[in-house]
N, C-alpha and C. Protein backbone atom coordinates (compact mmCIF):
# COMPACT_ATOMS: atom_id res chain seq x y z
N MET A 1 117.03 96.94 88.51
CA MET A 1 116.16 97.16 87.50
C MET A 1 115.99 95.83 86.74
N LEU A 2 114.64 95.47 86.44
CA LEU A 2 114.29 94.19 85.81
C LEU A 2 114.53 94.33 84.22
N ILE A 3 115.28 93.71 83.63
CA ILE A 3 115.50 93.65 82.29
C ILE A 3 115.10 92.29 81.68
N ALA A 4 114.04 92.06 81.16
CA ALA A 4 113.68 90.78 80.68
C ALA A 4 113.22 91.01 79.24
N GLY A 5 114.00 90.60 78.30
CA GLY A 5 113.74 90.89 76.89
C GLY A 5 113.60 92.35 76.61
N GLY A 6 114.34 93.16 77.38
CA GLY A 6 114.33 94.66 77.17
C GLY A 6 113.17 95.30 77.92
N SER A 7 112.30 94.44 78.74
CA SER A 7 111.30 95.05 79.40
C SER A 7 111.68 95.67 80.80
N LYS A 8 111.10 96.68 81.27
CA LYS A 8 111.18 97.07 82.66
C LYS A 8 109.74 97.06 83.35
N LEU A 9 109.77 96.40 84.45
CA LEU A 9 108.51 96.10 85.11
C LEU A 9 108.49 96.82 86.47
N SER A 10 107.41 97.40 86.95
CA SER A 10 107.17 97.84 88.24
C SER A 10 106.31 96.90 89.05
N CYS A 11 106.54 96.54 90.27
CA CYS A 11 105.73 95.64 91.06
C CYS A 11 104.77 96.51 91.95
N ILE A 12 103.59 96.23 91.87
CA ILE A 12 102.59 96.87 92.89
C ILE A 12 101.97 95.74 93.89
N VAL A 13 102.20 95.74 95.00
CA VAL A 13 101.65 94.94 96.09
C VAL A 13 100.55 95.44 96.63
N LEU A 14 99.30 94.86 96.54
CA LEU A 14 98.11 95.33 96.97
C LEU A 14 97.81 94.86 98.36
N ALA A 15 98.01 95.79 99.26
CA ALA A 15 98.02 95.38 100.82
C ALA A 15 97.11 96.38 101.56
N ALA A 16 96.01 96.71 100.95
CA ALA A 16 95.14 97.85 101.62
C ALA A 16 93.81 97.26 102.18
N GLY A 17 93.27 96.15 101.86
CA GLY A 17 91.92 95.69 102.15
C GLY A 17 91.67 95.56 103.74
N ARG A 18 90.41 95.60 103.99
CA ARG A 18 89.87 95.67 105.33
C ARG A 18 90.00 94.31 105.99
N SER A 19 89.91 93.24 105.30
CA SER A 19 89.95 91.92 105.78
C SER A 19 88.73 91.59 106.63
N ARG A 20 87.57 92.12 106.05
CA ARG A 20 86.38 91.97 106.91
C ARG A 20 85.97 90.53 107.34
N ARG A 21 86.14 89.55 106.34
CA ARG A 21 85.89 88.13 106.74
C ARG A 21 86.83 87.63 107.72
N MET A 22 87.90 88.27 107.94
CA MET A 22 88.80 87.70 109.00
C MET A 22 88.50 88.09 110.40
N GLY A 23 87.43 88.99 110.47
CA GLY A 23 87.11 89.41 111.83
C GLY A 23 87.92 90.77 112.20
N THR A 24 88.40 90.77 113.42
CA THR A 24 89.07 91.96 113.86
C THR A 24 90.71 91.85 113.47
N LYS A 25 91.09 90.83 112.95
CA LYS A 25 92.55 90.59 112.69
C LYS A 25 92.92 90.89 111.23
N ASN A 26 94.03 91.65 111.18
CA ASN A 26 94.53 91.97 109.78
C ASN A 26 95.25 90.70 109.24
N LYS A 27 94.66 90.16 108.17
CA LYS A 27 95.22 88.91 107.66
C LYS A 27 96.63 89.02 107.29
N LEU A 28 97.02 90.11 106.82
CA LEU A 28 98.44 90.40 106.39
C LEU A 28 99.49 90.23 107.40
N LEU A 29 99.03 90.36 108.69
CA LEU A 29 100.03 90.35 109.90
C LEU A 29 99.86 89.08 110.59
N LEU A 30 99.11 88.08 110.06
CA LEU A 30 98.93 86.80 110.75
C LEU A 30 100.35 86.02 110.61
N PRO A 31 100.68 85.31 111.70
CA PRO A 31 101.91 84.50 111.62
C PRO A 31 101.80 83.33 110.74
N PHE A 32 102.74 83.08 109.98
CA PHE A 32 102.87 81.80 109.14
C PHE A 32 104.31 81.41 108.79
N GLN A 33 104.72 80.23 109.35
CA GLN A 33 106.08 79.77 109.12
C GLN A 33 107.14 80.75 109.56
N GLY A 34 106.85 81.45 110.80
CA GLY A 34 107.83 82.25 111.44
C GLY A 34 107.79 83.73 111.06
N LYS A 35 106.91 84.10 110.18
CA LYS A 35 106.87 85.50 109.86
C LYS A 35 105.46 85.89 109.29
N GLU A 36 105.10 87.16 109.24
CA GLU A 36 103.77 87.71 108.85
C GLU A 36 103.60 87.35 107.40
N LEU A 37 102.24 86.97 107.23
CA LEU A 37 101.84 86.63 105.76
C LEU A 37 102.40 87.54 104.73
N ILE A 38 102.21 88.89 104.95
CA ILE A 38 102.69 89.70 103.79
C ILE A 38 104.23 89.69 103.51
N LEU A 39 104.98 89.33 104.47
CA LEU A 39 106.45 89.23 104.29
C LEU A 39 106.97 88.00 103.38
N HIS A 40 105.92 86.99 103.32
CA HIS A 40 106.28 85.96 102.33
C HIS A 40 106.22 86.55 101.00
N THR A 41 105.22 87.17 100.71
CA THR A 41 105.15 87.86 99.34
C THR A 41 106.34 88.77 99.15
N ILE A 42 106.56 89.68 100.14
CA ILE A 42 107.64 90.77 99.94
C ILE A 42 108.94 90.03 99.69
N ASP A 43 109.34 89.04 100.39
CA ASP A 43 110.61 88.41 100.32
C ASP A 43 110.80 87.84 98.95
N LYS A 44 109.72 87.24 98.37
CA LYS A 44 109.90 86.66 97.07
C LYS A 44 110.06 87.80 96.10
N ILE A 45 109.25 88.87 96.23
CA ILE A 45 109.37 89.97 95.17
C ILE A 45 110.75 90.67 95.24
N ILE A 46 111.35 90.88 96.39
CA ILE A 46 112.66 91.71 96.39
C ILE A 46 113.67 90.88 95.76
N ARG A 47 113.49 89.54 95.71
CA ARG A 47 114.57 88.68 95.09
C ARG A 47 114.62 88.65 93.40
N GLN A 48 113.45 89.38 92.95
CA GLN A 48 113.42 89.65 91.52
C GLN A 48 114.01 91.00 91.28
N ASP A 49 114.53 91.25 89.98
CA ASP A 49 115.20 92.41 89.72
C ASP A 49 114.10 93.44 89.18
N PHE A 50 113.02 93.74 89.93
CA PHE A 50 112.02 94.71 89.39
C PHE A 50 112.67 96.02 89.32
N PHE A 51 112.18 96.81 88.47
CA PHE A 51 112.36 98.33 88.18
C PHE A 51 112.21 99.07 89.54
N GLU A 52 111.10 98.75 90.31
CA GLU A 52 110.75 99.37 91.56
C GLU A 52 109.53 98.57 92.14
N ILE A 53 109.39 98.63 93.45
CA ILE A 53 108.40 97.88 94.19
C ILE A 53 107.54 98.87 94.98
N VAL A 54 106.27 98.86 94.78
CA VAL A 54 105.44 99.71 95.46
C VAL A 54 104.39 98.92 96.33
N VAL A 55 104.36 99.13 97.61
CA VAL A 55 103.34 98.58 98.47
C VAL A 55 102.17 99.57 98.77
N VAL A 56 100.89 99.17 98.41
CA VAL A 56 99.72 100.12 98.64
C VAL A 56 99.17 99.56 99.86
N THR A 57 99.04 100.45 100.96
CA THR A 57 98.54 100.12 102.17
C THR A 57 97.14 100.75 102.41
N GLY A 58 96.47 100.40 103.44
CA GLY A 58 95.12 101.10 103.66
C GLY A 58 94.78 100.84 105.15
N TRP A 59 93.99 99.72 105.37
CA TRP A 59 93.51 99.46 106.63
C TRP A 59 94.79 99.18 107.63
N GLN A 60 94.84 99.70 108.81
CA GLN A 60 95.93 99.60 109.77
C GLN A 60 97.14 99.81 109.08
N SER A 61 97.36 100.79 108.27
CA SER A 61 98.53 101.17 107.42
C SER A 61 99.71 101.26 108.23
N HIS A 62 99.61 101.84 109.39
CA HIS A 62 100.83 102.09 110.25
C HIS A 62 101.43 100.77 110.82
N GLU A 63 100.49 99.81 111.05
CA GLU A 63 100.93 98.53 111.64
C GLU A 63 101.51 97.72 110.51
N VAL A 64 100.95 97.80 109.25
CA VAL A 64 101.58 97.04 108.09
C VAL A 64 103.03 97.81 107.84
N GLU A 65 102.96 98.87 107.71
CA GLU A 65 104.22 99.74 107.28
C GLU A 65 105.36 99.49 108.26
N LYS A 66 105.07 99.21 109.59
CA LYS A 66 106.26 98.86 110.50
C LYS A 66 107.04 97.64 110.09
N PHE A 67 106.36 96.71 109.43
CA PHE A 67 107.09 95.50 109.00
C PHE A 67 107.80 95.70 107.73
N LEU A 68 107.72 96.84 106.97
CA LEU A 68 108.31 97.09 105.79
C LEU A 68 109.44 97.99 105.84
N LEU A 69 109.73 98.57 106.97
CA LEU A 69 110.65 99.47 107.12
C LEU A 69 112.20 99.15 106.62
N ASP A 70 112.49 97.90 106.73
CA ASP A 70 113.72 97.41 106.35
C ASP A 70 113.78 96.95 104.85
N TYR A 71 112.69 97.02 104.18
CA TYR A 71 112.63 96.51 102.79
C TYR A 71 112.79 97.66 101.87
N PRO A 72 113.40 97.32 100.64
CA PRO A 72 113.52 98.44 99.60
C PRO A 72 112.28 98.66 98.75
N VAL A 73 111.34 99.14 99.45
CA VAL A 73 110.03 99.22 98.79
C VAL A 73 109.49 100.73 99.01
N LYS A 74 108.70 101.16 98.01
CA LYS A 74 108.07 102.50 98.19
C LYS A 74 106.77 102.19 98.70
N VAL A 75 106.28 102.71 99.96
CA VAL A 75 105.02 102.58 100.53
C VAL A 75 104.13 103.73 100.34
N ILE A 76 102.92 103.45 99.77
CA ILE A 76 101.97 104.64 99.52
C ILE A 76 100.58 104.20 100.30
N ASN A 77 100.10 105.07 101.01
CA ASN A 77 98.83 104.81 101.66
C ASN A 77 97.64 105.18 100.83
N ASN A 78 96.58 104.34 100.86
CA ASN A 78 95.38 104.60 100.13
C ASN A 78 94.33 104.89 101.18
N PRO A 79 94.02 106.09 101.40
CA PRO A 79 92.89 106.49 102.46
C PRO A 79 91.47 106.05 101.91
N GLY A 80 91.44 105.85 100.58
CA GLY A 80 90.09 105.53 100.16
C GLY A 80 89.90 103.95 99.98
N TYR A 81 90.63 103.17 100.63
CA TYR A 81 90.45 101.69 100.40
C TYR A 81 89.28 101.21 100.54
N LEU A 82 88.35 101.79 101.40
CA LEU A 82 87.04 101.07 101.70
C LEU A 82 86.20 101.25 100.51
N LYS A 83 86.56 102.07 99.41
CA LYS A 83 85.68 102.35 98.25
C LYS A 83 85.97 101.13 97.22
N GLY A 84 86.88 100.19 97.59
CA GLY A 84 87.10 99.21 96.64
C GLY A 84 88.52 98.98 96.13
N GLN A 85 88.76 97.87 95.46
CA GLN A 85 90.16 97.50 95.04
C GLN A 85 90.57 98.55 93.99
N SER A 86 89.67 99.06 93.20
CA SER A 86 90.08 99.95 92.05
C SER A 86 90.95 101.02 92.55
N THR A 87 90.65 101.58 93.85
CA THR A 87 91.28 102.62 94.45
C THR A 87 92.78 102.33 94.79
N SER A 88 93.01 101.05 94.98
CA SER A 88 94.36 100.69 95.37
C SER A 88 95.10 100.47 94.05
N LEU A 89 94.51 99.93 93.00
CA LEU A 89 95.11 99.84 91.75
C LEU A 89 95.60 101.23 91.25
N LYS A 90 94.68 102.12 91.42
CA LYS A 90 94.99 103.59 90.79
C LYS A 90 96.02 104.27 91.71
N LYS A 91 95.97 104.04 92.95
CA LYS A 91 96.95 104.67 93.84
C LYS A 91 98.42 104.11 93.54
N GLY A 92 98.43 102.80 93.37
CA GLY A 92 99.70 102.27 93.08
C GLY A 92 100.34 102.80 91.68
N LEU A 93 99.32 102.90 90.57
CA LEU A 93 99.83 103.41 89.29
C LEU A 93 100.33 104.88 89.52
N SER A 94 99.73 105.59 90.34
CA SER A 94 99.94 107.03 90.52
C SER A 94 101.43 107.34 90.83
N VAL A 95 102.17 106.35 91.48
CA VAL A 95 103.58 106.64 91.73
C VAL A 95 104.50 105.81 90.98
N VAL A 96 104.28 104.98 90.03
CA VAL A 96 105.15 104.25 89.18
C VAL A 96 105.97 105.24 88.31
N SER A 97 107.12 104.69 88.02
CA SER A 97 107.96 105.57 87.10
C SER A 97 107.36 105.63 85.66
N GLU A 98 107.54 106.68 85.00
CA GLU A 98 107.14 106.98 83.70
C GLU A 98 107.93 105.94 82.70
N LYS A 99 108.88 105.45 83.15
CA LYS A 99 109.82 104.62 82.40
C LYS A 99 109.25 103.09 82.31
N THR A 100 108.36 102.84 83.22
CA THR A 100 107.94 101.46 83.32
C THR A 100 107.14 100.93 82.05
N LEU A 101 107.30 99.78 81.72
CA LEU A 101 106.56 99.16 80.60
C LEU A 101 105.38 98.40 81.09
N GLY A 102 105.29 98.16 82.28
CA GLY A 102 104.14 97.40 82.72
C GLY A 102 104.08 97.37 84.27
N ALA A 103 103.06 96.73 84.79
CA ALA A 103 102.81 96.68 86.29
C ALA A 103 102.49 95.15 86.67
N PHE A 104 103.31 94.69 87.54
CA PHE A 104 103.19 93.30 88.06
C PHE A 104 102.42 93.39 89.31
N PHE A 105 101.16 93.17 89.27
CA PHE A 105 100.23 93.22 90.41
C PHE A 105 100.12 91.94 91.25
N VAL A 106 100.47 92.10 92.58
CA VAL A 106 100.49 90.86 93.40
C VAL A 106 99.66 91.16 94.63
N LEU A 107 98.86 90.17 95.04
CA LEU A 107 98.15 90.34 96.32
C LEU A 107 99.04 90.07 97.55
N GLY A 108 98.84 90.90 98.54
CA GLY A 108 99.66 90.74 99.79
C GLY A 108 99.25 89.31 100.48
N ASP A 109 98.13 88.73 100.25
CA ASP A 109 97.68 87.65 101.05
C ASP A 109 97.73 86.31 100.36
N GLN A 110 98.87 86.19 99.46
CA GLN A 110 98.99 84.96 98.69
C GLN A 110 100.38 84.46 99.04
N PRO A 111 100.68 83.96 100.15
CA PRO A 111 101.96 83.47 100.64
C PRO A 111 102.60 82.24 99.90
N MET A 112 101.57 81.55 99.20
CA MET A 112 102.08 80.23 98.66
C MET A 112 102.37 80.39 97.22
N VAL A 113 102.25 81.57 96.54
CA VAL A 113 102.75 81.70 95.20
C VAL A 113 104.24 81.43 95.20
N GLN A 114 104.60 80.55 94.16
CA GLN A 114 106.04 80.13 94.15
C GLN A 114 106.82 81.12 93.49
N GLU A 115 108.19 81.24 93.71
CA GLU A 115 109.02 82.19 93.09
C GLU A 115 109.21 81.84 91.66
N GLU A 116 109.18 80.59 91.33
CA GLU A 116 109.33 80.11 89.99
C GLU A 116 108.16 80.72 89.22
N THR A 117 106.95 80.78 89.74
CA THR A 117 105.84 81.30 89.04
C THR A 117 106.09 82.88 88.58
N ILE A 118 106.60 83.52 89.64
CA ILE A 118 106.93 84.90 89.43
C ILE A 118 107.90 85.14 88.21
N LYS A 119 108.92 84.31 88.14
CA LYS A 119 109.96 84.33 87.11
C LYS A 119 109.26 83.90 85.82
N LYS A 120 108.45 82.91 85.75
CA LYS A 120 107.80 82.59 84.52
C LYS A 120 106.82 83.66 83.99
N LEU A 121 106.23 84.29 84.81
CA LEU A 121 105.35 85.38 84.37
C LEU A 121 106.17 86.43 83.67
N ILE A 122 107.35 86.77 84.30
CA ILE A 122 108.08 87.87 83.75
C ILE A 122 108.53 87.39 82.41
N VAL A 123 109.00 86.30 82.35
CA VAL A 123 109.53 85.73 80.94
C VAL A 123 108.40 85.77 80.00
N GLY A 124 107.15 85.24 80.43
CA GLY A 124 106.11 85.29 79.57
C GLY A 124 105.71 86.67 78.95
N PHE A 125 105.67 87.54 79.86
CA PHE A 125 105.35 89.04 79.54
C PHE A 125 106.36 89.54 78.45
N ALA A 126 107.62 89.23 78.83
CA ALA A 126 108.73 89.71 77.88
C ALA A 126 108.56 89.28 76.52
N SER A 127 108.00 88.02 76.44
CA SER A 127 107.88 87.37 74.87
C SER A 127 106.79 88.11 74.17
N ASN A 128 105.83 88.85 74.96
CA ASN A 128 104.78 89.51 74.23
C ASN A 128 104.40 90.72 75.08
N PRO A 129 105.12 91.77 75.14
CA PRO A 129 104.98 92.79 76.23
C PRO A 129 103.77 93.77 75.83
N GLU A 130 103.14 93.61 74.73
CA GLU A 130 101.93 94.41 74.44
C GLU A 130 100.62 93.87 75.04
N PHE A 131 100.75 92.49 75.65
CA PHE A 131 99.54 91.95 76.13
C PHE A 131 99.65 91.59 77.68
N PRO A 132 98.55 91.63 78.27
CA PRO A 132 98.60 91.25 79.79
C PRO A 132 98.99 89.78 79.80
N ALA A 133 99.62 89.36 80.95
CA ALA A 133 99.98 88.03 81.25
C ALA A 133 99.51 87.60 82.57
N ALA A 134 99.02 86.30 82.57
CA ALA A 134 98.52 85.68 83.80
C ALA A 134 98.82 84.28 83.94
N PRO A 135 98.97 83.74 85.23
CA PRO A 135 99.34 82.32 85.39
C PRO A 135 98.02 81.43 85.32
N TYR A 136 98.23 80.27 84.85
CA TYR A 136 97.12 79.34 84.78
C TYR A 136 97.50 78.03 85.40
N TYR A 137 96.82 77.48 86.37
CA TYR A 137 97.12 76.17 86.95
C TYR A 137 95.81 75.30 86.65
N LYS A 138 95.91 74.16 86.05
CA LYS A 138 94.84 73.27 85.66
C LYS A 138 93.70 74.14 85.05
N ASP A 139 94.03 75.03 84.03
CA ASP A 139 92.98 75.73 83.34
C ASP A 139 92.29 76.83 84.17
N LYS A 140 92.77 77.06 85.38
CA LYS A 140 92.26 78.14 86.22
C LYS A 140 93.34 79.35 86.30
N ARG A 141 92.64 80.61 86.00
CA ARG A 141 93.56 81.67 86.13
C ARG A 141 93.64 82.20 87.46
N GLY A 142 95.02 82.65 87.87
CA GLY A 142 95.13 82.99 89.26
C GLY A 142 95.86 84.40 89.27
N ASN A 143 96.48 84.64 90.35
CA ASN A 143 97.28 85.93 90.53
C ASN A 143 98.63 85.49 91.02
N PRO A 144 99.69 86.32 90.82
CA PRO A 144 99.72 87.70 90.25
C PRO A 144 99.47 87.77 88.78
N VAL A 145 99.28 88.98 88.29
CA VAL A 145 99.21 89.29 86.85
C VAL A 145 100.13 90.43 86.42
N ILE A 146 100.33 90.51 85.22
CA ILE A 146 101.13 91.65 84.68
C ILE A 146 100.30 92.38 83.54
N ILE A 147 100.29 93.70 83.62
CA ILE A 147 99.47 94.59 82.75
C ILE A 147 100.35 95.62 82.16
N PRO A 148 100.32 95.57 80.77
CA PRO A 148 101.20 96.53 80.11
C PRO A 148 100.83 98.02 80.24
N ARG A 149 101.72 98.90 80.24
CA ARG A 149 101.50 100.35 80.41
C ARG A 149 100.34 100.85 79.54
N ARG A 150 100.16 100.27 78.31
CA ARG A 150 99.13 100.86 77.41
C ARG A 150 97.77 100.74 77.96
N PHE A 151 97.58 99.85 79.04
CA PHE A 151 96.23 99.67 79.66
C PHE A 151 96.18 100.42 80.82
N PHE A 152 97.09 101.28 81.29
CA PHE A 152 97.02 102.02 82.59
C PHE A 152 95.86 103.06 82.56
N PRO A 153 95.67 103.72 81.38
CA PRO A 153 94.50 104.69 81.33
C PRO A 153 93.14 103.87 81.58
N TRP A 154 92.99 102.69 81.09
CA TRP A 154 91.94 101.86 81.20
C TRP A 154 91.77 101.59 82.73
N LEU A 155 92.81 101.13 83.44
CA LEU A 155 92.79 100.81 84.80
C LEU A 155 92.35 102.04 85.60
N ASN A 156 92.85 103.21 85.18
CA ASN A 156 92.54 104.53 85.85
C ASN A 156 91.15 104.91 85.89
N GLU A 157 90.34 104.23 84.94
CA GLU A 157 88.89 104.53 84.83
C GLU A 157 87.97 103.54 85.66
N LEU A 158 88.53 102.64 86.36
CA LEU A 158 87.89 101.56 87.09
C LEU A 158 87.27 102.33 88.25
N GLN A 159 86.18 101.74 88.83
CA GLN A 159 85.47 102.33 90.00
C GLN A 159 85.08 101.30 90.98
N GLY A 160 85.07 101.75 92.23
CA GLY A 160 84.54 100.74 93.32
C GLY A 160 85.45 99.58 93.52
N ASP A 161 84.79 98.47 93.51
CA ASP A 161 85.54 97.18 93.83
C ASP A 161 85.86 96.46 92.48
N GLN A 162 85.93 97.21 91.40
CA GLN A 162 86.37 96.69 90.16
C GLN A 162 87.82 96.38 90.16
N GLY A 163 88.17 95.21 89.67
CA GLY A 163 89.72 94.89 89.47
C GLY A 163 89.86 94.91 87.95
N ALA A 164 90.87 94.14 87.59
CA ALA A 164 91.33 94.07 86.13
C ALA A 164 90.72 92.75 85.51
N ARG A 165 89.78 92.15 86.22
CA ARG A 165 89.31 90.85 85.67
C ARG A 165 88.77 90.94 84.31
N GLU A 166 88.04 91.93 83.87
CA GLU A 166 87.60 92.03 82.49
C GLU A 166 88.62 92.01 81.47
N LEU A 167 89.79 92.56 81.86
CA LEU A 167 90.80 92.48 80.89
C LEU A 167 91.33 91.07 80.55
N PHE A 168 91.27 90.26 81.54
CA PHE A 168 91.70 88.83 81.33
C PHE A 168 90.61 87.79 80.85
N LEU A 169 89.45 88.41 80.52
CA LEU A 169 88.46 87.57 79.98
C LEU A 169 88.57 87.42 78.49
N GLN A 170 89.33 88.34 77.83
CA GLN A 170 89.59 88.33 76.42
C GLN A 170 90.83 87.37 76.14
N ASP A 171 90.45 86.07 76.02
CA ASP A 171 91.57 85.02 75.89
C ASP A 171 92.58 85.53 74.96
N GLU A 172 92.04 85.79 73.72
CA GLU A 172 92.99 86.08 72.46
C GLU A 172 94.01 87.20 72.83
N LYS A 173 93.74 88.06 73.80
CA LYS A 173 94.62 89.13 74.18
C LYS A 173 95.48 88.88 75.43
N VAL A 174 95.57 87.72 75.85
CA VAL A 174 96.29 87.41 77.07
C VAL A 174 97.25 86.45 76.87
N THR A 175 98.39 86.64 77.56
CA THR A 175 99.47 85.72 77.43
C THR A 175 99.27 84.68 78.62
N LYS A 176 99.00 83.48 78.36
CA LYS A 176 98.75 82.51 79.31
C LYS A 176 99.94 81.79 79.72
N VAL A 177 100.35 81.82 81.06
CA VAL A 177 101.53 81.21 81.46
C VAL A 177 101.15 79.99 82.33
N LEU A 178 101.42 78.88 81.86
CA LEU A 178 101.03 77.62 82.44
C LEU A 178 102.13 77.24 83.59
N VAL A 179 101.53 77.12 84.82
CA VAL A 179 102.48 76.88 86.07
C VAL A 179 101.94 75.73 86.80
N HIS A 180 102.82 75.01 87.45
CA HIS A 180 102.54 73.95 88.40
C HIS A 180 102.42 74.50 89.80
N ASP A 181 101.54 75.38 90.14
CA ASP A 181 101.48 76.26 91.29
C ASP A 181 100.11 76.47 91.70
N PRO A 182 99.68 75.67 92.66
CA PRO A 182 98.20 75.90 93.09
C PRO A 182 98.20 77.08 93.98
N GLY A 183 99.28 77.64 94.45
CA GLY A 183 99.23 78.83 95.22
C GLY A 183 98.71 80.05 94.42
N ILE A 184 98.64 80.22 93.24
CA ILE A 184 98.11 81.16 92.47
C ILE A 184 96.68 81.37 92.62
N LEU A 185 96.07 80.26 93.19
CA LEU A 185 94.62 80.34 93.37
C LEU A 185 94.14 80.39 94.82
N VAL A 186 95.22 80.52 95.78
CA VAL A 186 94.96 80.55 97.09
C VAL A 186 95.17 81.94 97.84
N ASP A 187 94.08 82.46 98.28
CA ASP A 187 94.24 83.64 99.16
C ASP A 187 93.62 83.59 100.29
N ILE A 188 94.00 84.32 101.44
CA ILE A 188 93.53 84.13 102.77
C ILE A 188 92.45 85.16 103.13
N ASP A 189 91.20 84.70 103.15
CA ASP A 189 90.11 85.77 103.26
C ASP A 189 89.46 85.51 104.63
N THR A 190 89.39 84.21 105.07
CA THR A 190 88.65 83.80 106.27
C THR A 190 89.43 83.06 107.28
N PRO A 191 89.09 82.95 108.54
CA PRO A 191 89.73 82.15 109.55
C PRO A 191 89.93 80.67 109.14
N GLU A 192 88.94 80.24 108.35
CA GLU A 192 89.03 78.84 107.80
C GLU A 192 90.11 78.78 106.79
N ASP A 193 90.27 79.83 105.87
CA ASP A 193 91.34 79.78 104.88
C ASP A 193 92.80 79.68 105.62
N TYR A 194 92.84 80.57 106.69
CA TYR A 194 94.09 80.67 107.48
C TYR A 194 94.40 79.19 108.11
N GLU A 195 93.42 78.70 108.79
CA GLU A 195 93.66 77.27 109.37
C GLU A 195 94.06 76.33 108.40
N LYS A 196 93.39 76.35 107.28
CA LYS A 196 93.83 75.42 106.27
C LYS A 196 95.19 75.58 105.78
N LEU A 197 95.66 76.93 105.66
CA LEU A 197 97.03 77.25 105.34
C LEU A 197 98.06 76.75 106.31
N ARG A 198 97.69 76.88 107.63
CA ARG A 198 98.58 76.54 108.64
C ARG A 198 98.75 75.04 108.75
N GLN A 199 97.58 74.32 108.41
CA GLN A 199 97.63 72.82 108.51
C GLN A 199 98.39 72.20 107.39
N GLY A 200 98.54 73.05 106.15
CA GLY A 200 99.25 72.56 105.06
C GLY A 200 98.23 71.68 104.26
C-alpha cells in the first residue's frame, strides 16, 4: 500500500490502444533493451508501493496479458477500446478500490519515464491531494499524471477519444512537478518513434 502523506493511490496502466500508426505490430510488445516496451513501465511501477495496480488491455489483449502473468497486477480487458481512450480510463476506474484517494495514470508506451519522476509525482500529489498533479519538463507537461478521487465522476462522463487533458489546462488547479526527465514527453506511436528510441 502506498502511503505518501497519508494518501493511498491506485495505478492505472493504459495498454489498450490499437497502435494504428505502428502498422501491424503492437507497440507495447516491441523489444527494447532486452524486454518488451510495456514491461519497462510495469517494472518501474511495481517498485513503488501503490495501493493497487490495474492494467487496462484491449487490442491483442491475450498477447499482452501473457507478459503480465508473473506480475502483481490486476488486468481488465476493455472490449470497447476502439471507441477511444475515455473507455479505457473508465474501465480502469471501474475496478479500483473505494479506499483509493486518487488514480496514477501511466501510458504503457512510455519506457523512458524515470523512476525518480514517478516518486516526485507521488510526493507532489501528497502535498496537495485535492488537486491533479502532472510532471513538467522545460515548461512542457507530460505523462504520467495523478487525478484525485473527487474528479472520478467527471472522468466517467468523458466520451470517445477524450482524455483528461482539459483538467490540466486549468493551471491554478494543478500541482506542477518539475522534473529533469524528457521521457515524460516521449511515447512510441510510429516506426520512426521506435527507431529513434532504439538508437538512443
